[in-house]
Protein backbone atom coordinates (compact mmCIF):
# COMPACT_ATOMS: atom_id res chain seq x y z
CA MET A 1 -7.75 38.86 -1.08
CA ASP A 2 -10.03 36.81 -2.37
CA ILE A 3 -9.20 33.21 -1.81
CA TRP A 4 -11.77 31.62 -3.34
CA GLY A 5 -11.51 33.45 -7.34
CA ALA A 6 -11.42 30.65 -9.46
CA ASP A 7 -7.73 31.24 -10.66
CA LYS A 8 -6.62 30.67 -7.10
CA LEU A 9 -8.86 27.67 -6.65
CA VAL A 10 -7.35 26.02 -10.14
CA LEU A 11 -4.06 26.62 -8.98
CA PHE A 12 -4.51 25.13 -5.58
CA LEU A 13 -6.23 22.08 -7.07
CA ALA A 14 -3.42 21.57 -9.74
CA PHE A 15 -0.87 21.62 -6.85
CA VAL A 16 -2.15 19.27 -4.27
CA ILE A 17 -4.42 16.91 -6.09
CA PRO A 18 -1.79 14.98 -7.94
CA GLY A 19 1.07 15.26 -4.78
CA PHE A 20 -2.11 14.23 -2.47
CA ILE A 21 -2.86 11.29 -4.79
CA SER A 22 0.64 9.87 -4.36
CA ILE A 23 0.60 10.20 -1.13
CA LYS A 24 -2.58 8.28 -0.68
CA CYS A 25 -1.35 5.53 -3.18
CA TYR A 26 1.97 5.11 -1.58
CA GLN A 27 0.34 4.75 1.72
CA LEU A 28 -1.58 1.68 -0.16
CA ALA A 29 1.27 0.04 -1.47
CA PHE A 30 3.78 0.80 1.57
CA PRO A 31 1.25 0.49 4.50
CA GLY A 32 2.82 2.37 7.59
CA THR A 33 2.37 5.21 9.78
CA GLU A 34 0.01 7.57 8.42
CA ARG A 35 -0.08 11.31 9.04
CA PRO A 36 -3.12 13.39 9.26
CA SER A 37 -3.77 15.11 5.29
CA SER A 38 -3.15 18.64 7.05
CA GLU A 39 0.44 17.56 7.67
CA GLN A 40 0.67 16.66 4.51
CA LEU A 41 0.06 19.57 2.27
CA VAL A 42 3.71 20.68 2.12
CA ASP A 43 4.67 17.02 0.51
CA ALA A 44 1.47 17.01 -1.73
CA ILE A 45 2.75 20.02 -3.32
CA ALA A 46 6.19 18.57 -3.81
CA TYR A 47 4.88 15.54 -5.31
CA SER A 48 2.65 17.61 -7.51
CA SER A 49 6.11 19.66 -8.79
CA ILE A 50 7.76 16.56 -9.17
CA ASN A 51 4.95 14.93 -11.33
CA TYR A 52 4.71 18.27 -13.69
CA ALA A 53 8.67 18.50 -14.17
CA ILE A 54 8.58 14.84 -15.06
CA LEU A 55 5.57 15.67 -17.88
CA ALA A 56 7.20 18.88 -18.47
CA VAL A 57 7.94 18.12 -21.88
CA PRO A 58 4.52 16.60 -23.23
CA ILE A 59 2.87 19.54 -21.12
CA SER A 60 4.71 21.83 -23.20
CA LEU A 61 4.13 20.11 -26.32
CA VAL A 62 0.33 20.04 -25.56
CA GLN A 63 0.18 23.71 -24.74
CA ARG A 64 1.99 24.72 -28.40
CA SER A 65 -0.28 22.47 -30.11
CA GLU A 66 -3.85 22.76 -31.53
CA LEU A 67 -5.04 20.05 -29.74
CA LEU A 68 -7.33 21.53 -27.53
CA GLN A 69 -8.88 23.30 -30.70
CA ALA A 70 -8.48 20.15 -33.31
CA ARG A 71 -9.43 17.39 -30.42
CA ALA A 72 -10.71 18.98 -27.19
CA PHE A 73 -11.73 15.56 -25.99
CA LEU A 74 -8.01 14.16 -26.32
CA TYR A 75 -6.70 17.62 -24.57
CA TYR A 76 -9.00 16.96 -21.77
CA LEU A 77 -7.75 13.17 -21.76
CA PHE A 78 -4.32 14.00 -21.45
CA TYR A 79 -4.74 16.52 -18.44
CA ILE A 80 -7.17 14.08 -16.77
CA PHE A 81 -3.64 11.49 -17.07
CA VAL A 82 -1.52 14.50 -15.78
CA LEU A 83 -3.34 15.30 -12.56
CA PHE A 84 -4.91 11.69 -11.47
CA LEU A 85 -3.19 9.09 -13.73
CA ALA A 86 0.46 9.88 -13.81
CA PRO A 87 0.63 10.30 -10.04
CA VAL A 88 -0.36 6.48 -9.51
CA LEU A 89 2.10 5.38 -12.54
CA TRP A 90 4.75 7.32 -10.15
CA VAL A 91 4.16 5.57 -7.38
CA LEU A 92 3.93 2.10 -9.17
CA ILE A 93 7.50 2.62 -10.95
CA TRP A 94 8.67 3.68 -7.54
CA LYS A 95 7.62 0.78 -5.83
CA TYR A 96 9.11 -1.61 -8.50
CA VAL A 97 12.58 0.06 -7.86
CA ARG A 98 12.11 0.24 -4.21
CA THR A 99 11.76 -3.56 -4.14
CA ARG A 100 14.57 -4.47 -6.52
CA ASP A 101 17.58 -6.36 -4.82
CA PHE A 102 19.86 -3.68 -6.49
CA PHE A 103 18.21 -0.77 -4.70
CA GLN A 104 17.82 -2.70 -1.60
CA ARG A 105 22.00 -2.86 -1.16
CA ASN A 106 21.99 0.70 -0.49
CA ALA A 107 18.36 1.79 0.75
CA PRO A 108 16.12 0.22 3.65
CA HIS A 109 13.36 -1.42 2.18
CA PRO A 110 9.88 0.35 1.92
CA THR A 111 8.02 -1.95 3.84
CA ALA A 112 8.55 -0.64 7.53
CA LYS A 113 7.46 -4.40 9.56
CA PRO A 114 8.26 -7.79 8.95
CA TRP A 115 4.92 -8.57 9.83
CA ASP A 116 3.59 -6.41 6.52
CA PHE A 117 6.53 -8.17 4.42
CA VAL A 118 5.54 -11.55 5.07
CA PHE A 119 1.82 -11.19 4.76
CA GLN A 120 1.54 -9.26 1.87
CA GLN A 121 2.90 -11.46 -0.33
CA ARG A 122 -0.33 -14.11 0.16
CA LYS A 123 1.51 -17.38 -0.01
CA SER A 124 -0.12 -20.76 1.41
CA SER A 125 1.35 -22.27 4.58
CA TRP A 126 0.61 -23.84 7.37
CA VAL A 127 0.85 -21.89 10.58
CA LYS A 128 2.11 -22.12 14.21
CA VAL A 129 1.16 -19.22 16.29
CA THR A 130 2.58 -19.73 19.98
CA LEU A 131 0.84 -17.35 22.51
CA ARG A 132 2.48 -15.71 25.10
CA ASN A 133 1.39 -18.31 27.84
CA GLY A 134 2.85 -21.53 25.56
CA THR A 135 0.10 -22.72 24.07
CA ILE A 136 -0.15 -23.13 20.33
CA VAL A 137 -2.78 -22.35 18.03
CA ALA A 138 -1.88 -23.90 14.14
CA GLY A 139 -4.11 -23.37 11.54
CA ARG A 140 -3.70 -23.14 7.45
CA TYR A 141 -3.34 -19.42 6.18
CA ALA A 142 -4.50 -19.84 2.94
CA GLY A 143 -6.64 -17.57 0.45
CA LYS A 144 -9.51 -16.68 2.54
CA SER A 145 -7.11 -15.90 5.49
CA PHE A 146 -6.58 -12.31 6.61
CA THR A 147 -3.64 -10.51 8.65
CA SER A 148 -4.07 -7.17 9.50
CA SER A 149 -1.57 -4.26 8.42
CA ALA A 150 0.52 -1.34 9.20
CA PRO A 151 -0.75 1.04 11.11
CA ALA A 152 -3.38 -1.27 12.86
CA ASP A 153 -2.34 -3.41 15.49
CA GLU A 154 -1.11 -7.20 14.24
CA GLN A 155 -3.97 -9.56 14.05
CA ILE A 156 -4.09 -13.11 12.06
CA TYR A 157 -7.14 -14.91 11.42
CA LEU A 158 -6.64 -18.76 9.87
CA GLU A 159 -9.34 -19.82 8.26
CA GLU A 160 -8.73 -23.50 9.24
CA THR A 161 -7.73 -24.42 12.56
CA TRP A 162 -5.91 -27.73 12.90
CA VAL A 163 -4.91 -30.17 16.18
CA LEU A 164 -1.06 -31.02 16.57
CA GLY A 165 0.41 -34.10 17.21
CA GLU A 166 2.83 -34.99 20.41
CA ARG A 167 5.66 -34.09 17.73
CA GLY A 168 4.04 -31.04 16.36
CA GLN A 169 2.97 -32.28 13.27
CA PHE A 170 -0.57 -31.55 11.83
CA VAL A 171 -3.06 -33.78 12.38
CA ARG A 172 -6.16 -33.08 11.62
CA LYS A 173 -8.43 -30.23 11.01
CA VAL A 174 -10.84 -29.03 13.89
CA SER A 175 -14.30 -29.70 12.35
CA ARG A 176 -16.93 -27.36 12.98
CA THR A 177 -14.98 -24.30 13.25
CA SER A 178 -14.55 -21.48 10.82
CA GLY A 179 -10.93 -20.31 11.75
CA VAL A 180 -9.56 -18.86 14.60
CA LEU A 181 -8.86 -14.93 15.19
CA VAL A 182 -5.28 -14.29 17.22
CA LEU A 183 -5.12 -10.66 18.46
CA SER A 184 -1.80 -9.44 18.84
CA GLY A 185 -1.44 -8.76 22.24
CA GLU A 186 -1.34 -12.68 22.51
CA ILE A 187 1.41 -13.60 20.01
CA SER A 188 5.03 -14.68 21.17
CA HIS A 189 5.93 -15.69 17.74
CA ILE A 190 4.86 -17.59 14.21
CA GLU A 191 6.06 -20.23 12.80
CA PHE A 192 5.58 -21.25 8.95
CA ARG A 193 5.53 -24.04 6.97
CA GLU A 194 5.23 -25.41 3.88
């Protein structure tokens, strides 16, 4: 059997590419534990099949029409949508549905860790990071700050470091610093202030 035949290669690509695109987009939308691509082949085929099932009517209409002969450009553009854009669209729709309150009442939130949930919102705030040894690192989490996301270890970069007063209030920005990076192994807990 010739596995490199054009018909077998086209069939393989048609049933792997859309699903693989969906899997990768889902991993970007909902960071979590990643599995090796070799273990995702069955999932990719399943998601590709779902893609074709959703688009069965438009695909059938395009195939029965004279679109290929009349306007080949539109025909190929349609299949670019089917293979590459629709799988992304389904992930965006699924993300929207999964993050709505009505869905949350009956299913777990798709974001695996509170760390990712809080920081993916990208809200600016004053932050107090309490380290395991009791030391408090205070700073400003804003537009130039950054946090890691799953599956990477939790780390936070605060773009400004601040000195705290005796009652824990933010007194002044530490001069001549470019911020502070705190590693996950050092963090006990984090407090956010508006």
